[in-house]
Each structure stands twice: as C-alpha cells, then as structure tokens.
Amino acid sequence: MSDTEFETASAPTVHELDARRLLCPLPVIRTQNALKALPAGTQLRVTCTDPGTLHDIPTWCRLNGHRVLEQHNNGREQIFLIEKAAG
C-alpha cells in the first residue's frame, strides 16, 4: 500500500424497526421477523414504547445469540441497537 492509499472500514448498515405503540409480545415478534430477513452481522435499531421491552428484547437477544450493542431510554421510547448473530 502506498503512502496515499488507505483502507476504509465501511460502517455497517443499520436497519430501522418502528415498534412504537405495540404491546407485548408484538415488539419482540417484529424484532424476530426483521432479523430473520437480514444477513448475519447486520445491525437493527428498534424503537419501542412498551416499557416491557426493556427486559423482553435483551432477554430474547441473549437466548437467540444476538448482541444488544446499545440500549437507552429516550423519554417514553426504548431504543435498542442489535447485531444479528451469525448462522
């Protein structure tokens, strides 16, 4: 590689899932269905208003091998950034 060349790491594509105004178990089911349609290593940002998702989505991810990269509360919304597991 010459002095003027450099490698760039491409940022992963982040897909969005709006699960606002859905009650349990729909946010988890919609998250599951969205991840099924995506390749391994893809990131999915899920926005929910059901407070139960604070426990349900991280638990579902752990049981299914997915990683919660970020989780935060933005007022009435819970936001999760999930990385889909390989295989």
PDB file of N, CA and C in Angstrom:
ATOM      1  N   MET A   1       0.848  -1.167   0.000  1.00  0.00           N
ATOM      2  CA  MET A   1       0.000   0.000   0.000  1.00  0.00           C
ATOM      3  C   MET A   1       0.895   1.232   0.000  1.00  0.00           C
ATOM      4  N   SER A   2       0.599   2.196  -0.869  1.00  0.00           N
ATOM      5  CA  SER A   2       1.411   3.406  -0.931  1.00  0.00           C
ATOM      6  C   SER A   2       0.999   4.378   0.164  1.00  0.00           C
ATOM      7  N   ASP A   3       1.786   5.462   0.290  1.00  0.00           N
ATOM      8  CA  ASP A   3       1.500   6.451   1.318  1.00  0.00           C
ATOM      9  C   ASP A   3       0.147   7.133   1.112  1.00  0.00           C
ATOM     10  N   THR A   4      -0.325   7.169  -0.125  1.00  0.00           N
ATOM     11  CA  THR A   4      -1.576   7.872  -0.396  1.00  0.00           C
ATOM     12  C   THR A   4      -2.786   6.951  -0.340  1.00  0.00           C
ATOM     13  N   GLU A   5      -2.553   5.648  -0.209  1.00  0.00           N
ATOM     14  CA  GLU A   5      -3.662   4.714  -0.126  1.00  0.00           C
ATOM     15  C   GLU A   5      -3.941   4.382   1.342  1.00  0.00           C
ATOM     16  N   PHE A   6      -5.169   4.135   1.631  1.00  0.00           N
ATOM     17  CA  PHE A   6      -5.530   3.716   2.978  1.00  0.00           C
ATOM     18  C   PHE A   6      -6.788   2.884   2.895  1.00  0.00           C
ATOM     19  N   GLU A   7      -6.926   2.034   3.877  1.00  0.00           N
ATOM     20  CA  GLU A   7      -8.117   1.205   3.938  1.00  0.00           C
ATOM     21  C   GLU A   7      -9.184   1.930   4.727  1.00  0.00           C
ATOM     22  N   THR A   8     -10.401   1.830   4.249  1.00  0.00           N
ATOM     23  CA  THR A   8     -11.505   2.404   4.996  1.00  0.00           C
ATOM     24  C   THR A   8     -12.407   1.273   5.440  1.00  0.00           C
ATOM     25  N   ALA A   9     -12.774   1.315   6.672  1.00  0.00           N
ATOM     26  CA  ALA A   9     -13.712   0.328   7.197  1.00  0.00           C
ATOM     27  C   ALA A   9     -15.112   0.870   6.953  1.00  0.00           C
ATOM     28  N   SER A  10     -15.881   0.135   6.209  1.00  0.00           N
ATOM     29  CA  SER A  10     -17.227   0.618   5.938  1.00  0.00           C
ATOM     30  C   SER A  10     -18.092   0.396   7.175  1.00  0.00           C
ATOM     31  N   ALA A  11     -18.863   1.392   7.491  1.00  0.00           N
ATOM     32  CA  ALA A  11     -19.759   1.290   8.636  1.00  0.00           C
ATOM     33  C   ALA A  11     -20.882   0.318   8.289  1.00  0.00           C
ATOM     34  N   PRO A  12     -21.283  -0.497   9.240  1.00  0.00           N
ATOM     35  CA  PRO A  12     -22.364  -1.438   8.966  1.00  0.00           C
ATOM     36  C   PRO A  12     -23.668  -0.696   8.684  1.00  0.00           C
ATOM     37  N   THR A  13     -24.464  -1.263   7.820  1.00  0.00           N
ATOM     38  CA  THR A  13     -25.774  -0.704   7.542  1.00  0.00           C
ATOM     39  C   THR A  13     -26.668  -0.941   8.748  1.00  0.00           C
ATOM     40  N   VAL A  14     -27.362   0.088   9.148  1.00  0.00           N
ATOM     41  CA  VAL A  14     -28.280  -0.022  10.284  1.00  0.00           C
ATOM     42  C   VAL A  14     -29.701   0.052   9.738  1.00  0.00           C
ATOM     43  N   HIS A  15     -30.455  -1.009   9.937  1.00  0.00           N
ATOM     44  CA  HIS A  15     -31.853  -1.050   9.532  1.00  0.00           C
ATOM     45  C   HIS A  15     -32.696  -0.562  10.698  1.00  0.00           C
ATOM     46  N   GLU A  16     -33.858  -0.022  10.390  1.00  0.00           N
ATOM     47  CA  GLU A  16     -34.727   0.560  11.415  1.00  0.00           C
ATOM     48  C   GLU A  16     -36.012  -0.251  11.535  1.00  0.00           C
ATOM     49  N   LEU A  17     -36.465  -0.429  12.755  1.00  0.00           N
ATOM     50  CA  LEU A  17     -37.755  -1.051  13.029  1.00  0.00           C
ATOM     51  C   LEU A  17     -38.523  -0.157  13.989  1.00  0.00           C
ATOM     52  N   ASP A  18     -39.674   0.315  13.556  1.00  0.00           N
ATOM     53  CA  ASP A  18     -40.530   1.144  14.394  1.00  0.00           C
ATOM     54  C   ASP A  18     -41.560   0.234  15.051  1.00  0.00           C
ATOM     55  N   ALA A  19     -41.383  -0.036  16.335  1.00  0.00           N
ATOM     56  CA  ALA A  19     -42.312  -0.875  17.091  1.00  0.00           C
ATOM     57  C   ALA A  19     -43.052  -0.044  18.136  1.00  0.00           C
ATOM     58  N   ARG A  20     -43.166   1.259  17.870  1.00  0.00           N
ATOM     59  CA  ARG A  20     -43.893   2.140  18.783  1.00  0.00           C
ATOM     60  C   ARG A  20     -45.383   1.808  18.758  1.00  0.00           C
ATOM     61  N   ARG A  21     -46.015   2.018  19.881  1.00  0.00           N
ATOM     62  CA  ARG A  21     -47.456   1.797  20.067  1.00  0.00           C
ATOM     63  C   ARG A  21     -47.850   0.325  19.949  1.00  0.00           C
ATOM     64  N   LEU A  22     -46.884  -0.592  20.000  1.00  0.00           N
ATOM     65  CA  LEU A  22     -47.175  -2.025  20.007  1.00  0.00           C
ATOM     66  C   LEU A  22     -46.949  -2.549  21.418  1.00  0.00           C
ATOM     67  N   LEU A  23     -47.814  -3.443  21.853  1.00  0.00           N
ATOM     68  CA  LEU A  23     -47.688  -4.024  23.182  1.00  0.00           C
ATOM     69  C   LEU A  23     -47.197  -5.458  23.082  1.00  0.00           C
ATOM     70  N   CYS A  24     -46.639  -5.939  24.185  1.00  0.00           N
ATOM     71  CA  CYS A  24     -46.103  -7.289  24.293  1.00  0.00           C
ATOM     72  C   CYS A  24     -47.146  -8.297  23.798  1.00  0.00           C
ATOM     73  N   PRO A  25     -46.741  -9.233  23.005  1.00  0.00           N
ATOM     74  CA  PRO A  25     -45.393  -9.617  22.585  1.00  0.00           C
ATOM     75  C   PRO A  25     -44.992  -9.065  21.214  1.00  0.00           C
ATOM     76  N   LEU A  26     -45.798  -8.150  20.640  1.00  0.00           N
ATOM     77  CA  LEU A  26     -45.540  -7.709  19.268  1.00  0.00           C
ATOM     78  C   LEU A  26     -44.167  -7.087  19.028  1.00  0.00           C
ATOM     79  N   PRO A  27     -43.608  -6.246  19.927  1.00  0.00           N
ATOM     80  CA  PRO A  27     -42.265  -5.716  19.635  1.00  0.00           C
ATOM     81  C   PRO A  27     -41.207  -6.818  19.467  1.00  0.00           C
ATOM     82  N   VAL A  28     -41.281  -7.855  20.287  1.00  0.00           N
ATOM     83  CA  VAL A  28     -40.318  -8.956  20.177  1.00  0.00           C
ATOM     84  C   VAL A  28     -40.561  -9.751  18.891  1.00  0.00           C
ATOM     85  N   ILE A  29     -41.809 -10.000  18.562  1.00  0.00           N
ATOM     86  CA  ILE A  29     -42.127 -10.743  17.342  1.00  0.00           C
ATOM     87  C   ILE A  29     -41.681  -9.969  16.108  1.00  0.00           C
ATOM     88  N   ARG A  30     -41.920  -8.669  16.090  1.00  0.00           N
ATOM     89  CA  ARG A  30     -41.493  -7.853  14.947  1.00  0.00           C
ATOM     90  C   ARG A  30     -39.968  -7.794  14.848  1.00  0.00           C
ATOM     91  N   THR A  31     -39.301  -7.750  16.005  1.00  0.00           N
ATOM     92  CA  THR A  31     -37.833  -7.773  16.009  1.00  0.00           C
ATOM     93  C   THR A  31     -37.334  -9.093  15.452  1.00  0.00           C
ATOM     94  N   GLN A  32     -37.920 -10.194  15.890  1.00  0.00           N
ATOM     95  CA  GLN A  32     -37.546 -11.522  15.407  1.00  0.00           C
ATOM     96  C   GLN A  32     -37.739 -11.617  13.899  1.00  0.00           C
ATOM     97  N   ASN A  33     -38.872 -11.168  13.397  1.00  0.00           N
ATOM     98  CA  ASN A  33     -39.150 -11.249  11.964  1.00  0.00           C
ATOM     99  C   ASN A  33     -38.207 -10.370  11.151  1.00  0.00           C
ATOM    100  N   ALA A  34     -37.895  -9.188  11.662  1.00  0.00           N
ATOM    101  CA  ALA A  34     -36.979  -8.289  10.964  1.00  0.00           C
ATOM    102  C   ALA A  34     -35.584  -8.893  10.887  1.00  0.00           C
ATOM    103  N   LEU A  35     -35.109  -9.478  11.985  1.00  0.00           N
ATOM    104  CA  LEU A  35     -33.772 -10.061  11.995  1.00  0.00           C
ATOM    105  C   LEU A  35     -33.688 -11.286  11.092  1.00  0.00           C
ATOM    106  N   LYS A  36     -34.758 -12.060  10.988  1.00  0.00           N
ATOM    107  CA  LYS A  36     -34.756 -13.230  10.100  1.00  0.00           C
ATOM    108  C   LYS A  36     -34.471 -12.832   8.661  1.00  0.00           C
ATOM    109  N   ALA A  37     -34.928 -11.652   8.261  1.00  0.00           N
ATOM    110  CA  ALA A  37     -34.786 -11.194   6.881  1.00  0.00           C
ATOM    111  C   ALA A  37     -33.434 -10.539   6.597  1.00  0.00           C
ATOM    112  N   LEU A  38     -32.584 -10.401   7.612  1.00  0.00           N
ATOM    113  CA  LEU A  38     -31.309  -9.704   7.455  1.00  0.00           C
ATOM    114  C   LEU A  38     -30.136 -10.672   7.540  1.00  0.00           C
ATOM    115  N   PRO A  39     -29.030 -10.343   6.863  1.00  0.00           N
ATOM    116  CA  PRO A  39     -27.844 -11.199   6.961  1.00  0.00           C
ATOM    117  C   PRO A  39     -27.143 -11.045   8.311  1.00  0.00           C
ATOM    118  N   ALA A  40     -26.365 -12.053   8.679  1.00  0.00           N
ATOM    119  CA  ALA A  40     -25.594 -12.032   9.921  1.00  0.00           C
ATOM    120  C   ALA A  40     -24.680 -10.814   9.950  1.00  0.00           C
ATOM    121  N   GLY A  41     -24.521 -10.241  11.131  1.00  0.00           N
ATOM    122  CA  GLY A  41     -23.661  -9.077  11.308  1.00  0.00           C
ATOM    123  C   GLY A  41     -24.360  -7.764  11.052  1.00  0.00           C
ATOM    124  N   THR A  42     -25.560  -7.803  10.527  1.00  0.00           N
ATOM    125  CA  THR A  42     -26.328  -6.595  10.267  1.00  0.00           C
ATOM    126  C   THR A  42     -26.835  -6.017  11.580  1.00  0.00           C
ATOM    127  N   GLN A  43     -26.976  -4.711  11.613  1.00  0.00           N
ATOM    128  CA  GLN A  43     -27.489  -4.052  12.804  1.00  0.00           C
ATOM    129  C   GLN A  43     -28.930  -3.597  12.581  1.00  0.00           C
ATOM    130  N   LEU A  44     -29.733  -3.724  13.629  1.00  0.00           N
ATOM    131  CA  LEU A  44     -31.133  -3.324  13.597  1.00  0.00           C
ATOM    132  C   LEU A  44     -31.396  -2.407  14.781  1.00  0.00           C
ATOM    133  N   ARG A  45     -31.908  -1.208  14.497  1.00  0.00           N
ATOM    134  CA  ARG A  45     -32.291  -0.285  15.561  1.00  0.00           C
ATOM    135  C   ARG A  45     -33.806  -0.408  15.739  1.00  0.00           C
ATOM    136  N   VAL A  46     -34.212  -0.755  16.943  1.00  0.00           N
ATOM    137  CA  VAL A  46     -35.620  -0.965  17.264  1.00  0.00           C
ATOM    138  C   VAL A  46     -36.062   0.125  18.233  1.00  0.00           C
ATOM    139  N   THR A  47     -37.152   0.806  17.882  1.00  0.00           N
ATOM    140  CA  THR A  47     -37.708   1.850  18.739  1.00  0.00           C
ATOM    141  C   THR A  47     -39.067   1.380  19.230  1.00  0.00           C
ATOM    142  N   CYS A  48     -39.239   1.345  20.555  1.00  0.00           N
ATOM    143  CA  CYS A  48     -40.454   0.825  21.190  1.00  0.00           C
ATOM    144  C   CYS A  48     -40.984   1.833  22.202  1.00  0.00           C
ATOM    145  N   THR A  49     -42.278   1.695  22.513  1.00  0.00           N
ATOM    146  CA  THR A  49     -42.862   2.496  23.594  1.00  0.00           C
ATOM    147  C   THR A  49     -43.351   1.622  24.742  1.00  0.00           C
ATOM    148  N   ASP A  50     -43.393   0.316  24.550  1.00  0.00           N
ATOM    149  CA  ASP A  50     -43.821  -0.601  25.606  1.00  0.00           C
ATOM    150  C   ASP A  50     -42.677  -0.752  26.608  1.00  0.00           C
ATOM    151  N   PRO A  51     -42.861  -0.338  27.871  1.00  0.00           N
ATOM    152  CA  PRO A  51     -41.772  -0.437  28.844  1.00  0.00           C
ATOM    153  C   PRO A  51     -41.315  -1.864  29.100  1.00  0.00           C
ATOM    154  N   GLY A  52     -42.146  -2.849  28.816  1.00  0.00           N
ATOM    155  CA  GLY A  52     -41.760  -4.242  28.997  1.00  0.00           C
ATOM    156  C   GLY A  52     -40.618  -4.670  28.095  1.00  0.00           C
ATOM    157  N   THR A  53     -40.391  -3.924  27.005  1.00  0.00           N
ATOM    158  CA  THR A  53     -39.298  -4.288  26.091  1.00  0.00           C
ATOM    159  C   THR A  53     -37.932  -4.096  26.727  1.00  0.00           C
ATOM    160  N   LEU A  54     -37.849  -3.268  27.774  1.00  0.00           N
ATOM    161  CA  LEU A  54     -36.560  -3.078  28.460  1.00  0.00           C
ATOM    162  C   LEU A  54     -36.007  -4.400  28.961  1.00  0.00           C
ATOM    163  N   HIS A  55     -36.870  -5.321  29.284  1.00  0.00           N
ATOM    164  CA  HIS A  55     -36.461  -6.648  29.732  1.00  0.00           C
ATOM    165  C   HIS A  55     -36.593  -7.673  28.605  1.00  0.00           C
ATOM    166  N   ASP A  56     -37.701  -7.599  27.860  1.00  0.00           N
ATOM    167  CA  ASP A  56     -38.026  -8.644  26.883  1.00  0.00           C
ATOM    168  C   ASP A  56     -37.041  -8.731  25.718  1.00  0.00           C
ATOM    169  N   ILE A  57     -36.687  -7.602  25.125  1.00  0.00           N
ATOM    170  CA  ILE A  57     -35.815  -7.645  23.941  1.00  0.00           C
ATOM    171  C   ILE A  57     -34.402  -8.100  24.300  1.00  0.00           C
ATOM    172  N   PRO A  58     -33.757  -7.555  25.346  1.00  0.00           N
ATOM    173  CA  PRO A  58     -32.421  -8.077  25.693  1.00  0.00           C
ATOM    174  C   PRO A  58     -32.441  -9.567  26.042  1.00  0.00           C
ATOM    175  N   THR A  59     -33.485 -10.026  26.722  1.00  0.00           N
ATOM    176  CA  THR A  59     -33.582 -11.447  27.064  1.00  0.00           C
ATOM    177  C   THR A  59     -33.731 -12.287  25.804  1.00  0.00           C
ATOM    178  N   TRP A  60     -34.599 -11.874  24.896  1.00  0.00           N
ATOM    179  CA  TRP A  60     -34.791 -12.604  23.644  1.00  0.00           C
ATOM    180  C   TRP A  60     -33.478 -12.645  22.844  1.00  0.00           C
ATOM    181  N   CYS A  61     -32.776 -11.524  22.788  1.00  0.00           N
ATOM    182  CA  CYS A  61     -31.499 -11.472  22.059  1.00  0.00           C
ATOM    183  C   CYS A  61     -30.492 -12.438  22.671  1.00  0.00           C
ATOM    184  N   ARG A  62     -30.371 -12.439  23.990  1.00  0.00           N
ATOM    185  CA  ARG A  62     -29.420 -13.331  24.665  1.00  0.00           C
ATOM    186  C   ARG A  62     -29.753 -14.790  24.375  1.00  0.00           C
ATOM    187  N   LEU A  63     -31.031 -15.145  24.433  1.00  0.00           N
ATOM    188  CA  LEU A  63     -31.439 -16.529  24.185  1.00  0.00           C
ATOM    189  C   LEU A  63     -31.212 -16.964  22.743  1.00  0.00           C
ATOM    190  N   ASN A  64     -31.185 -16.015  21.821  1.00  0.00           N
ATOM    191  CA  ASN A  64     -31.043 -16.333  20.407  1.00  0.00           C
ATOM    192  C   ASN A  64     -29.671 -15.978  19.847  1.00  0.00           C
ATOM    193  N   GLY A  65     -28.752 -15.554  20.702  1.00  0.00           N
ATOM    194  CA  GLY A  65     -27.376 -15.315  20.284  1.00  0.00           C
ATOM    195  C   GLY A  65     -27.100 -13.963  19.664  1.00  0.00           C
ATOM    196  N   HIS A  66     -28.078 -13.079  19.627  1.00  0.00           N
ATOM    197  CA  HIS A  66     -27.873 -11.738  19.080  1.00  0.00           C
ATOM    198  C   HIS A  66     -27.279 -10.842  20.169  1.00  0.00           C
ATOM    199  N   ARG A  67     -26.622  -9.764  19.739  1.00  0.00           N
ATOM    200  CA  ARG A  67     -25.992  -8.849  20.699  1.00  0.00           C
ATOM    201  C   ARG A  67     -26.723  -7.522  20.745  1.00  0.00           C
ATOM    202  N   VAL A  68     -27.026  -7.060  21.938  1.00  0.00           N
ATOM    203  CA  VAL A  68     -27.551  -5.704  22.114  1.00  0.00           C
ATOM    204  C   VAL A  68     -26.329  -4.801  22.246  1.00  0.00           C
ATOM    205  N   LEU A  69     -26.078  -4.001  21.219  1.00  0.00           N
ATOM    206  CA  LEU A  69     -24.910  -3.122  21.215  1.00  0.00           C
ATOM    207  C   LEU A  69     -25.160  -1.849  22.011  1.00  0.00           C
ATOM    208  N   GLU A  70     -26.394  -1.360  21.961  1.00  0.00           N
ATOM    209  CA  GLU A  70     -26.775  -0.155  22.703  1.00  0.00           C
ATOM    210  C   GLU A  70     -28.211  -0.320  23.170  1.00  0.00           C
ATOM    211  N   GLN A  71     -28.490   0.281  24.304  1.00  0.00           N
ATOM    212  CA  GLN A  71     -29.859   0.307  24.822  1.00  0.00           C
ATOM    213  C   GLN A  71     -30.009   1.591  25.605  1.00  0.00           C
ATOM    214  N   HIS A  72     -31.001   2.385  25.233  1.00  0.00           N
ATOM    215  CA  HIS A  72     -31.243   3.588  26.025  1.00  0.00           C
ATOM    216  C   HIS A  72     -32.709   3.994  25.955  1.00  0.00           C
ATOM    217  N   ASN A  73     -33.062   4.828  26.898  1.00  0.00           N
ATOM    218  CA  ASN A  73     -34.414   5.329  27.026  1.00  0.00           C
ATOM    219  C   ASN A  73     -34.405   6.789  26.607  1.00  0.00           C
ATOM    220  N   ASN A  74     -35.256   7.121  25.662  1.00  0.00           N
ATOM    221  CA  ASN A  74     -35.352   8.484  25.154  1.00  0.00           C
ATOM    222  C   ASN A  74     -36.741   9.019  25.505  1.00  0.00           C
ATOM    223  N   GLY A  75     -36.931   9.398  26.759  1.00  0.00           N
ATOM    224  CA  GLY A  75     -38.260   9.818  27.196  1.00  0.00           C
ATOM    225  C   GLY A  75     -39.178   8.621  27.320  1.00  0.00           C
ATOM    226  N   ARG A  76     -40.195   8.554  26.492  1.00  0.00           N
ATOM    227  CA  ARG A  76     -41.137   7.437  26.528  1.00  0.00           C
ATOM    228  C   ARG A  76     -40.712   6.292  25.620  1.00  0.00           C
ATOM    229  N   GLU A  77     -39.622   6.443  24.892  1.00  0.00           N
ATOM    230  CA  GLU A  77     -39.197   5.417  23.942  1.00  0.00           C
ATOM    231  C   GLU A  77     -37.982   4.649  24.440  1.00  0.00           C
ATOM    232  N   GLN A  78     -38.004   3.355  24.200  1.00  0.00           N
ATOM    233  CA  GLN A  78     -36.855   2.496  24.451  1.00  0.00           C
ATOM    234  C   GLN A  78     -36.231   2.216  23.079  1.00  0.00           C
ATOM    235  N   ILE A  79     -34.920   2.404  22.982  1.00  0.00           N
ATOM    236  CA  ILE A  79     -34.225   2.226  21.709  1.00  0.00           C
ATOM    237  C   ILE A  79     -33.125   1.192  21.900  1.00  0.00           C
ATOM    238  N   PHE A  80     -33.106   0.204  21.009  1.00  0.00           N
ATOM    239  CA  PHE A  80     -32.130  -0.887  21.052  1.00  0.00           C
ATOM    240  C   PHE A  80     -31.395  -0.925  19.734  1.00  0.00           C
ATOM    241  N   LEU A  81     -30.075  -1.102  19.789  1.00  0.00           N
ATOM    242  CA  LEU A  81     -29.282  -1.385  18.603  1.00  0.00           C
ATOM    243  C   LEU A  81     -28.800  -2.810  18.748  1.00  0.00           C
ATOM    244  N   ILE A  82     -29.247  -3.670  17.819  1.00  0.00           N
ATOM    245  CA  ILE A  82     -28.995  -5.105  17.906  1.00  0.00           C
ATOM    246  C   ILE A  82     -28.154  -5.538  16.714  1.00  0.00           C
ATOM    247  N   GLU A  83     -27.183  -6.402  16.980  1.00  0.00           N
ATOM    248  CA  GLU A  83     -26.393  -7.002  15.901  1.00  0.00           C
ATOM    249  C   GLU A  83     -26.837  -8.456  15.750  1.00  0.00           C
ATOM    250  N   LYS A  84     -27.216  -8.814  14.521  1.00  0.00           N
ATOM    251  CA  LYS A  84     -27.685 -10.158  14.264  1.00  0.00           C
ATOM    252  C   LYS A  84     -26.520 -11.154  14.369  1.00  0.00           C
ATOM    253  N   ALA A  85     -26.794 -12.255  15.017  1.00  0.00           N
ATOM    254  CA  ALA A  85     -25.783 -13.305  15.203  1.00  0.00           C
ATOM    255  C   ALA A  85     -25.522 -14.029  13.891  1.00  0.00           C
ATOM    256  N   ALA A  86     -24.341 -14.612  13.793  1.00  0.00           N
ATOM    257  CA  ALA A  86     -24.006 -15.446  12.640  1.00  0.00           C
ATOM    258  C   ALA A  86     -24.772 -16.749  12.731  1.00  0.00           C
ATOM    259  N   GLY A  87     -25.216 -17.214  11.578  1.00  0.00           N
ATOM    260  CA  GLY A  87     -25.879 -18.518  11.486  1.00  0.00           C
ATOM    261  C   GLY A  87     -27.066 -18.606  12.286  1.00  0.00           C
TER     262      GLY A  87
END
